Amino acid sequence: AILLVGSLIFYAYYDVKYLAFLFFAILVTFCA
């Protein structure tokens, strides 16, 4: 959980909008 939160903060540092694309890739492939 610590690594995941850290990873999301790390990626959002570039641009918070990028998280939407990351969440899309995660949810689509995880649900599949």
PDB file of all heavy atoms in Angstrom:
ATOM      1  N   ALA A   1       0.835  -1.206   0.000  1.00  0.00           N
ATOM      2  CA  ALA A   1       0.000   0.000   0.000  1.00  0.00           C
ATOM      3  C   ALA A   1       0.869   1.254   0.000  1.00  0.00           C
ATOM      4  O   ALA A   1       0.572   2.237  -0.696  1.00  0.00           O
ATOM      5  CB  ALA A   1      -0.940  -0.007   1.200  1.00  0.00           C
ATOM      6  N   ILE A   2       1.950   1.231   0.777  1.00  0.00           N
ATOM      7  CA  ILE A   2       2.870   2.376   0.813  1.00  0.00           C
ATOM      8  C   ILE A   2       3.508   2.594  -0.553  1.00  0.00           C
ATOM      9  O   ILE A   2       3.595   3.728  -1.047  1.00  0.00           O
ATOM     10  CB  ILE A   2       3.947   2.147   1.891  1.00  0.00           C
ATOM     11  CG1 ILE A   2       3.314   2.187   3.287  1.00  0.00           C
ATOM     12  CG2 ILE A   2       5.064   3.181   1.770  1.00  0.00           C
ATOM     13  CD1 ILE A   2       4.246   1.740   4.392  1.00  0.00           C
ATOM     14  N   LEU A   3       3.941   1.501  -1.178  1.00  0.00           N
ATOM     15  CA  LEU A   3       4.554   1.620  -2.509  1.00  0.00           C
ATOM     16  C   LEU A   3       3.553   2.101  -3.540  1.00  0.00           C
ATOM     17  O   LEU A   3       3.901   2.896  -4.435  1.00  0.00           O
ATOM     18  CB  LEU A   3       5.140   0.271  -2.937  1.00  0.00           C
ATOM     19  CG  LEU A   3       6.368  -0.219  -2.165  1.00  0.00           C
ATOM     20  CD1 LEU A   3       6.839  -1.563  -2.718  1.00  0.00           C
ATOM     21  CD2 LEU A   3       7.501   0.800  -2.248  1.00  0.00           C
ATOM     22  N   LEU A   4       2.307   1.642  -3.443  1.00  0.00           N
ATOM     23  CA  LEU A   4       1.294   2.067  -4.405  1.00  0.00           C
ATOM     24  C   LEU A   4       0.990   3.555  -4.262  1.00  0.00           C
ATOM     25  O   LEU A   4       0.944   4.291  -5.265  1.00  0.00           O
ATOM     26  CB  LEU A   4       0.016   1.253  -4.226  1.00  0.00           C
ATOM     27  CG  LEU A   4      -1.170   1.662  -5.128  1.00  0.00           C
ATOM     28  CD1 LEU A   4      -0.780   1.564  -6.600  1.00  0.00           C
ATOM     29  CD2 LEU A   4      -2.392   0.810  -4.825  1.00  0.00           C
ATOM     30  N   VAL A   5       0.763   4.011  -3.031  1.00  0.00           N
ATOM     31  CA  VAL A   5       0.505   5.442  -2.809  1.00  0.00           C
ATOM     32  C   VAL A   5       1.695   6.275  -3.289  1.00  0.00           C
ATOM     33  O   VAL A   5       1.530   7.311  -3.949  1.00  0.00           O
ATOM     34  CB  VAL A   5       0.214   5.713  -1.320  1.00  0.00           C
ATOM     35  CG1 VAL A   5       0.139   7.214  -1.056  1.00  0.00           C
ATOM     36  CG2 VAL A   5      -1.078   5.040  -0.896  1.00  0.00           C
ATOM     37  N   GLY A   6       2.904   5.795  -2.964  1.00  0.00           N
ATOM     38  CA  GLY A   6       4.096   6.494  -3.427  1.00  0.00           C
ATOM     39  C   GLY A   6       4.174   6.550  -4.946  1.00  0.00           C
ATOM     40  O   GLY A   6       4.547   7.583  -5.527  1.00  0.00           O
ATOM     41  N   SER A   7       3.817   5.448  -5.603  1.00  0.00           N
ATOM     42  CA  SER A   7       3.867   5.392  -7.066  1.00  0.00           C
ATOM     43  C   SER A   7       2.874   6.366  -7.688  1.00  0.00           C
ATOM     44  O   SER A   7       3.172   7.028  -8.696  1.00  0.00           O
ATOM     45  CB  SER A   7       3.580   3.965  -7.544  1.00  0.00           C
ATOM     46  OG  SER A   7       4.575   3.067  -7.082  1.00  0.00           O
ATOM     47  N   LEU A   8       1.687   6.462  -7.113  1.00  0.00           N
ATOM     48  CA  LEU A   8       0.678   7.383  -7.636  1.00  0.00           C
ATOM     49  C   LEU A   8       1.115   8.837  -7.451  1.00  0.00           C
ATOM     50  O   LEU A   8       0.927   9.670  -8.344  1.00  0.00           O
ATOM     51  CB  LEU A   8      -0.665   7.135  -6.946  1.00  0.00           C
ATOM     52  CG  LEU A   8      -1.295   5.762  -7.179  1.00  0.00           C
ATOM     53  CD1 LEU A   8      -2.609   5.629  -6.421  1.00  0.00           C
ATOM     54  CD2 LEU A   8      -1.511   5.499  -8.670  1.00  0.00           C
ATOM     55  N   ILE A   9       1.716   9.132  -6.304  1.00  0.00           N
ATOM     56  CA  ILE A   9       2.237  10.484  -6.078  1.00  0.00           C
ATOM     57  C   ILE A   9       3.370  10.787  -7.053  1.00  0.00           C
ATOM     58  O   ILE A   9       3.450  11.884  -7.624  1.00  0.00           O
ATOM     59  CB  ILE A   9       2.726  10.628  -4.620  1.00  0.00           C
ATOM     60  CG1 ILE A   9       1.548  10.523  -3.651  1.00  0.00           C
ATOM     61  CG2 ILE A   9       3.467  11.951  -4.425  1.00  0.00           C
ATOM     62  CD1 ILE A   9       1.961  10.481  -2.190  1.00  0.00           C
ATOM     63  N   PHE A  10       4.249   9.805  -7.241  1.00  0.00           N
ATOM     64  CA  PHE A  10       5.376   9.948  -8.176  1.00  0.00           C
ATOM     65  C   PHE A  10       4.874  10.287  -9.578  1.00  0.00           C
ATOM     66  O   PHE A  10       5.389  11.207 -10.235  1.00  0.00           O
ATOM     67  CB  PHE A  10       6.177   8.645  -8.194  1.00  0.00           C
ATOM     68  CG  PHE A  10       7.333   8.631  -9.153  1.00  0.00           C
ATOM     69  CD1 PHE A  10       8.593   9.044  -8.745  1.00  0.00           C
ATOM     70  CD2 PHE A  10       7.178   8.190 -10.459  1.00  0.00           C
ATOM     71  CE1 PHE A  10       9.674   9.017  -9.618  1.00  0.00           C
ATOM     72  CE2 PHE A  10       8.249   8.162 -11.345  1.00  0.00           C
ATOM     73  CZ  PHE A  10       9.494   8.575 -10.917  1.00  0.00           C
ATOM     74  N   TYR A  11       3.866   9.567 -10.045  1.00  0.00           N
ATOM     75  CA  TYR A  11       3.360   9.779 -11.405  1.00  0.00           C
ATOM     76  C   TYR A  11       2.562  11.080 -11.497  1.00  0.00           C
ATOM     77  O   TYR A  11       2.650  11.794 -12.499  1.00  0.00           O
ATOM     78  CB  TYR A  11       2.499   8.590 -11.824  1.00  0.00           C
ATOM     79  CG  TYR A  11       2.270   8.514 -13.313  1.00  0.00           C
ATOM     80  CD1 TYR A  11       3.339   8.475 -14.193  1.00  0.00           C
ATOM     81  CD2 TYR A  11       0.988   8.478 -13.849  1.00  0.00           C
ATOM     82  CE1 TYR A  11       3.146   8.401 -15.559  1.00  0.00           C
ATOM     83  CE2 TYR A  11       0.775   8.403 -15.211  1.00  0.00           C
ATOM     84  CZ  TYR A  11       1.859   8.365 -16.067  1.00  0.00           C
ATOM     85  OH  TYR A  11       1.660   8.314 -17.424  1.00  0.00           O
ATOM     86  N   ALA A  12       1.790  11.388 -10.465  1.00  0.00           N
ATOM     87  CA  ALA A  12       0.992  12.621 -10.471  1.00  0.00           C
ATOM     88  C   ALA A  12       1.880  13.858 -10.437  1.00  0.00           C
ATOM     89  O   ALA A  12       1.437  14.950 -10.821  1.00  0.00           O
ATOM     90  CB  ALA A  12       0.038  12.629  -9.279  1.00  0.00           C
ATOM     91  N   TYR A  13       3.126  13.695  -9.988  1.00  0.00           N
ATOM     92  CA  TYR A  13       4.052  14.827  -9.944  1.00  0.00           C
ATOM     93  C   TYR A  13       4.253  15.421 -11.338  1.00  0.00           C
ATOM     94  O   TYR A  13       4.407  16.635 -11.481  1.00  0.00           O
ATOM     95  CB  TYR A  13       5.387  14.362  -9.365  1.00  0.00           C
ATOM     96  CG  TYR A  13       6.434  15.449  -9.262  1.00  0.00           C
ATOM     97  CD1 TYR A  13       6.495  16.278  -8.145  1.00  0.00           C
ATOM     98  CD2 TYR A  13       7.364  15.641 -10.277  1.00  0.00           C
ATOM     99  CE1 TYR A  13       7.466  17.267  -8.053  1.00  0.00           C
ATOM    100  CE2 TYR A  13       8.327  16.629 -10.193  1.00  0.00           C
ATOM    101  CZ  TYR A  13       8.373  17.443  -9.083  1.00  0.00           C
ATOM    102  OH  TYR A  13       9.326  18.426  -8.999  1.00  0.00           O
ATOM    103  N   TYR A  14       4.237  14.576 -12.359  1.00  0.00           N
ATOM    104  CA  TYR A  14       4.371  15.075 -13.733  1.00  0.00           C
ATOM    105  C   TYR A  14       3.132  15.863 -14.139  1.00  0.00           C
ATOM    106  O   TYR A  14       3.225  16.946 -14.704  1.00  0.00           O
ATOM    107  CB  TYR A  14       4.596  13.910 -14.705  1.00  0.00           C
ATOM    108  CG  TYR A  14       5.935  13.240 -14.544  1.00  0.00           C
ATOM    109  CD1 TYR A  14       6.057  12.040 -13.848  1.00  0.00           C
ATOM    110  CD2 TYR A  14       7.081  13.793 -15.094  1.00  0.00           C
ATOM    111  CE1 TYR A  14       7.294  11.422 -13.705  1.00  0.00           C
ATOM    112  CE2 TYR A  14       8.315  13.188 -14.954  1.00  0.00           C
ATOM    113  CZ  TYR A  14       8.423  12.002 -14.255  1.00  0.00           C
ATOM    114  OH  TYR A  14       9.649  11.400 -14.109  1.00  0.00           O
ATOM    115  N   ASP A  15       1.960  15.286 -13.885  1.00  0.00           N
ATOM    116  CA  ASP A  15       0.682  15.945 -14.177  1.00  0.00           C
ATOM    117  C   ASP A  15      -0.419  15.077 -13.580  1.00  0.00           C
ATOM    118  O   ASP A  15      -0.501  13.879 -13.879  1.00  0.00           O
ATOM    119  CB  ASP A  15       0.477  16.099 -15.691  1.00  0.00           C
ATOM    120  CG  ASP A  15      -0.664  17.057 -16.019  1.00  0.00           C
ATOM    121  OD1 ASP A  15      -1.646  17.100 -15.256  1.00  0.00           O
ATOM    122  OD2 ASP A  15      -0.570  17.765 -17.033  1.00  0.00           O
ATOM    123  N   VAL A  16      -1.276  15.674 -12.760  1.00  0.00           N
ATOM    124  CA  VAL A  16      -2.346  14.915 -12.110  1.00  0.00           C
ATOM    125  C   VAL A  16      -3.266  14.273 -13.144  1.00  0.00           C
ATOM    126  O   VAL A  16      -3.814  13.183 -12.917  1.00  0.00           O
ATOM    127  CB  VAL A  16      -3.160  15.830 -11.165  1.00  0.00           C
ATOM    128  CG1 VAL A  16      -4.335  15.068 -10.563  1.00  0.00           C
ATOM    129  CG2 VAL A  16      -2.265  16.370 -10.061  1.00  0.00           C
ATOM    130  N   LYS A  17      -3.417  14.916 -14.298  1.00  0.00           N
ATOM    131  CA  LYS A  17      -4.299  14.374 -15.340  1.00  0.00           C
ATOM    132  C   LYS A  17      -3.818  13.008 -15.830  1.00  0.00           C
ATOM    133  O   LYS A  17      -4.613  12.204 -16.321  1.00  0.00           O
ATOM    134  CB  LYS A  17      -4.386  15.335 -16.525  1.00  0.00           C
ATOM    135  CG  LYS A  17      -4.916  16.719 -16.213  1.00  0.00           C
ATOM    136  CD  LYS A  17      -5.113  17.511 -17.501  1.00  0.00           C
ATOM    137  CE  LYS A  17      -5.426  18.962 -17.231  1.00  0.00           C
ATOM    138  NZ  LYS A  17      -4.213  19.703 -16.805  1.00  0.00           N
ATOM    139  N   TYR A  18      -2.526  12.750 -15.710  1.00  0.00           N
ATOM    140  CA  TYR A  18      -1.983  11.479 -16.192  1.00  0.00           C
ATOM    141  C   TYR A  18      -2.574  10.290 -15.433  1.00  0.00           C
ATOM    142  O   TYR A  18      -2.625   9.170 -15.959  1.00  0.00           O
ATOM    143  CB  TYR A  18      -0.464  11.456 -16.035  1.00  0.00           C
ATOM    144  CG  TYR A  18       0.289  12.411 -16.939  1.00  0.00           C
ATOM    145  CD1 TYR A  18       1.657  12.614 -16.775  1.00  0.00           C
ATOM    146  CD2 TYR A  18      -0.360  13.121 -17.945  1.00  0.00           C
ATOM    147  CE1 TYR A  18       2.360  13.485 -17.594  1.00  0.00           C
ATOM    148  CE2 TYR A  18       0.335  14.005 -18.763  1.00  0.00           C
ATOM    149  CZ  TYR A  18       1.696  14.177 -18.578  1.00  0.00           C
ATOM    150  OH  TYR A  18       2.397  15.032 -19.383  1.00  0.00           O
ATOM    151  N   LEU A  19      -3.015  10.533 -14.198  1.00  0.00           N
ATOM    152  CA  LEU A  19      -3.550   9.442 -13.389  1.00  0.00           C
ATOM    153  C   LEU A  19      -4.780   8.816 -14.030  1.00  0.00           C
ATOM    154  O   LEU A  19      -5.034   7.616 -13.856  1.00  0.00           O
ATOM    155  CB  LEU A  19      -3.898   9.940 -11.989  1.00  0.00           C
ATOM    156  CG  LEU A  19      -2.713  10.286 -11.075  1.00  0.00           C
ATOM    157  CD1 LEU A  19      -3.211  10.839  -9.747  1.00  0.00           C
ATOM    158  CD2 LEU A  19      -1.837   9.056 -10.842  1.00  0.00           C
ATOM    159  N   ALA A  20      -5.551   9.600 -14.772  1.00  0.00           N
ATOM    160  CA  ALA A  20      -6.756   9.063 -15.422  1.00  0.00           C
ATOM    161  C   ALA A  20      -6.385   7.963 -16.411  1.00  0.00           C
ATOM    162  O   ALA A  20      -7.060   6.928 -16.487  1.00  0.00           O
ATOM    163  CB  ALA A  20      -7.518  10.179 -16.128  1.00  0.00           C
ATOM    164  N   PHE A  21      -5.321   8.157 -17.164  1.00  0.00           N
ATOM    165  CA  PHE A  21      -4.873   7.153 -18.131  1.00  0.00           C
ATOM    166  C   PHE A  21      -4.332   5.916 -17.408  1.00  0.00           C
ATOM    167  O   PHE A  21      -4.570   4.786 -17.840  1.00  0.00           O
ATOM    168  CB  PHE A  21      -3.798   7.752 -19.040  1.00  0.00           C
ATOM    169  CG  PHE A  21      -4.269   8.908 -19.862  1.00  0.00           C
ATOM    170  CD1 PHE A  21      -4.220  10.201 -19.363  1.00  0.00           C
ATOM    171  CD2 PHE A  21      -4.769   8.709 -21.139  1.00  0.00           C
ATOM    172  CE1 PHE A  21      -4.658  11.272 -20.117  1.00  0.00           C
ATOM    173  CE2 PHE A  21      -5.203   9.780 -21.904  1.00  0.00           C
ATOM    174  CZ  PHE A  21      -5.153  11.064 -21.390  1.00  0.00           C
ATOM    175  N   LEU A  22      -3.619   6.153 -16.318  1.00  0.00           N
ATOM    176  CA  LEU A  22      -3.079   5.042 -15.537  1.00  0.00           C
ATOM    177  C   LEU A  22      -4.209   4.205 -14.940  1.00  0.00           C
ATOM    178  O   LEU A  22      -4.190   2.972 -15.021  1.00  0.00           O
ATOM    179  CB  LEU A  22      -2.168   5.579 -14.429  1.00  0.00           C
ATOM    180  CG  LEU A  22      -1.575   4.555 -13.463  1.00  0.00           C
ATOM    181  CD1 LEU A  22      -0.709   3.545 -14.203  1.00  0.00           C
ATOM    182  CD2 LEU A  22      -0.767   5.263 -12.374  1.00  0.00           C
ATOM    183  N   PHE A  23      -5.213   4.863 -14.351  1.00  0.00           N
ATOM    184  CA  PHE A  23      -6.337   4.144 -13.755  1.00  0.00           C
ATOM    185  C   PHE A  23      -7.121   3.376 -14.821  1.00  0.00           C
ATOM    186  O   PHE A  23      -7.596   2.264 -14.563  1.00  0.00           O
ATOM    187  CB  PHE A  23      -7.272   5.125 -13.038  1.00  0.00           C
ATOM    188  CG  PHE A  23      -6.681   5.723 -11.796  1.00  0.00           C
ATOM    189  CD1 PHE A  23      -7.084   6.974 -11.344  1.00  0.00           C
ATOM    190  CD2 PHE A  23      -5.705   5.047 -11.076  1.00  0.00           C
ATOM    191  CE1 PHE A  23      -6.544   7.524 -10.205  1.00  0.00           C
ATOM    192  CE2 PHE A  23      -5.145   5.588  -9.929  1.00  0.00           C
ATOM    193  CZ  PHE A  23      -5.571   6.833  -9.491  1.00  0.00           C
ATOM    194  N   PHE A  24      -7.240   3.958 -16.004  1.00  0.00           N
ATOM    195  CA  PHE A  24      -7.955   3.280 -17.088  1.00  0.00           C
ATOM    196  C   PHE A  24      -7.258   1.974 -17.451  1.00  0.00           C
ATOM    197  O   PHE A  24      -7.899   0.918 -17.572  1.00  0.00           O
ATOM    198  CB  PHE A  24      -8.043   4.191 -18.313  1.00  0.00           C
ATOM    199  CG  PHE A  24      -8.777   3.587 -19.479  1.00  0.00           C
ATOM    200  CD1 PHE A  24     -10.160   3.634 -19.536  1.00  0.00           C
ATOM    201  CD2 PHE A  24      -8.090   2.953 -20.514  1.00  0.00           C
ATOM    202  CE1 PHE A  24     -10.851   3.066 -20.610  1.00  0.00           C
ATOM    203  CE2 PHE A  24      -8.760   2.395 -21.581  1.00  0.00           C
ATOM    204  CZ  PHE A  24     -10.147   2.455 -21.622  1.00  0.00           C
ATOM    205  N   ALA A  25      -5.946   2.023 -17.644  1.00  0.00           N
ATOM    206  CA  ALA A  25      -5.182   0.818 -17.992  1.00  0.00           C
ATOM    207  C   ALA A  25      -5.294  -0.229 -16.890  1.00  0.00           C
ATOM    208  O   ALA A  25      -5.446  -1.429 -17.172  1.00  0.00           O
ATOM    209  CB  ALA A  25      -3.724   1.181 -18.246  1.00  0.00           C
ATOM    210  N   ILE A  26      -5.216   0.199 -15.640  1.00  0.00           N
ATOM    211  CA  ILE A  26      -5.298  -0.737 -14.515  1.00  0.00           C
ATOM    212  C   ILE A  26      -6.666  -1.395 -14.448  1.00  0.00           C
ATOM    213  O   ILE A  26      -6.777  -2.634 -14.355  1.00  0.00           O
ATOM    214  CB  ILE A  26      -4.993  -0.010 -13.185  1.00  0.00           C
ATOM    215  CG1 ILE A  26      -3.517   0.399 -13.130  1.00  0.00           C
ATOM    216  CG2 ILE A  26      -5.337  -0.900 -11.987  1.00  0.00           C
ATOM    217  CD1 ILE A  26      -3.166   1.293 -11.953  1.00  0.00           C
ATOM    218  N   LEU A  27      -7.730  -0.610 -14.493  1.00  0.00           N
ATOM    219  CA  LEU A  27      -9.078  -1.145 -14.324  1.00  0.00           C
ATOM    220  C   LEU A  27      -9.482  -2.050 -15.477  1.00  0.00           C
ATOM    221  O   LEU A  27     -10.078  -3.114 -15.265  1.00  0.00           O
ATOM    222  CB  LEU A  27     -10.078   0.013 -14.183  1.00  0.00           C
ATOM    223  CG  LEU A  27      -9.987   0.802 -12.873  1.00  0.00           C
ATOM    224  CD1 LEU A  27     -10.928   1.996 -12.901  1.00  0.00           C
ATOM    225  CD2 LEU A  27     -10.304  -0.096 -11.685  1.00  0.00           C
ATOM    226  N   VAL A  28      -9.178  -1.646 -16.697  1.00  0.00           N
ATOM    227  CA  VAL A  28      -9.558  -2.449 -17.868  1.00  0.00           C
ATOM    228  C   VAL A  28      -8.899  -3.821 -17.818  1.00  0.00           C
ATOM    229  O   VAL A  28      -9.549  -4.862 -17.981  1.00  0.00           O
ATOM    230  CB  VAL A  28      -9.193  -1.724 -19.171  1.00  0.00           C
ATOM    231  CG1 VAL A  28      -9.257  -2.671 -20.369  1.00  0.00           C
ATOM    232  CG2 VAL A  28     -10.132  -0.545 -19.415  1.00  0.00           C
ATOM    233  N   THR A  29      -7.596  -3.849 -17.589  1.00  0.00           N
ATOM    234  CA  THR A  29      -6.880  -5.130 -17.616  1.00  0.00           C
ATOM    235  C   THR A  29      -7.156  -5.962 -16.364  1.00  0.00           C
ATOM    236  O   THR A  29      -7.209  -7.193 -16.431  1.00  0.00           O
ATOM    237  CB  THR A  29      -5.366  -4.882 -17.769  1.00  0.00           C
ATOM    238  OG1 THR A  29      -4.926  -3.948 -16.770  1.00  0.00           O
ATOM    239  CG2 THR A  29      -5.047  -4.299 -19.144  1.00  0.00           C
ATOM    240  N   PHE A  30      -7.336  -5.310 -15.209  1.00  0.00           N
ATOM    241  CA  PHE A  30      -7.645  -6.048 -13.985  1.00  0.00           C
ATOM    242  C   PHE A  30      -9.015  -6.724 -14.080  1.00  0.00           C
ATOM    243  O   PHE A  30      -9.157  -7.919 -13.763  1.00  0.00           O
ATOM    244  CB  PHE A  30      -7.621  -5.109 -12.776  1.00  0.00           C
ATOM    245  CG  PHE A  30      -8.002  -5.767 -11.481  1.00  0.00           C
ATOM    246  CD1 PHE A  30      -7.117  -6.614 -10.829  1.00  0.00           C
ATOM    247  CD2 PHE A  30      -9.255  -5.551 -10.919  1.00  0.00           C
ATOM    248  CE1 PHE A  30      -7.461  -7.228  -9.638  1.00  0.00           C
ATOM    249  CE2 PHE A  30      -9.612  -6.167  -9.725  1.00  0.00           C
ATOM    250  CZ  PHE A  30      -8.716  -7.006  -9.084  1.00  0.00           C
ATOM    251  N   CYS A  31     -10.023  -5.985 -14.515  1.00  0.00           N
ATOM    252  CA  CYS A  31     -11.373  -6.554 -14.649  1.00  0.00           C
ATOM    253  C   CYS A  31     -11.400  -7.660 -15.699  1.00  0.00           C
ATOM    254  O   CYS A  31     -12.076  -8.686 -15.519  1.00  0.00           O
ATOM    255  CB  CYS A  31     -12.374  -5.462 -15.008  1.00  0.00           C
ATOM    256  SG  CYS A  31     -12.648  -4.256 -13.692  1.00  0.00           S
ATOM    257  N   ALA A  32     -10.655  -7.457 -16.780  1.00  0.00           N
ATOM    258  CA  ALA A  32     -10.586  -8.500 -17.805  1.00  0.00           C
ATOM    259  C   ALA A  32      -9.983  -9.774 -17.232  1.00  0.00           C
ATOM    260  O   ALA A  32     -10.436 -10.887 -17.535  1.00  0.00           O
ATOM    261  CB  ALA A  32      -9.757  -8.014 -18.994  1.00  0.00           C
TER     262      ALA A  32
END
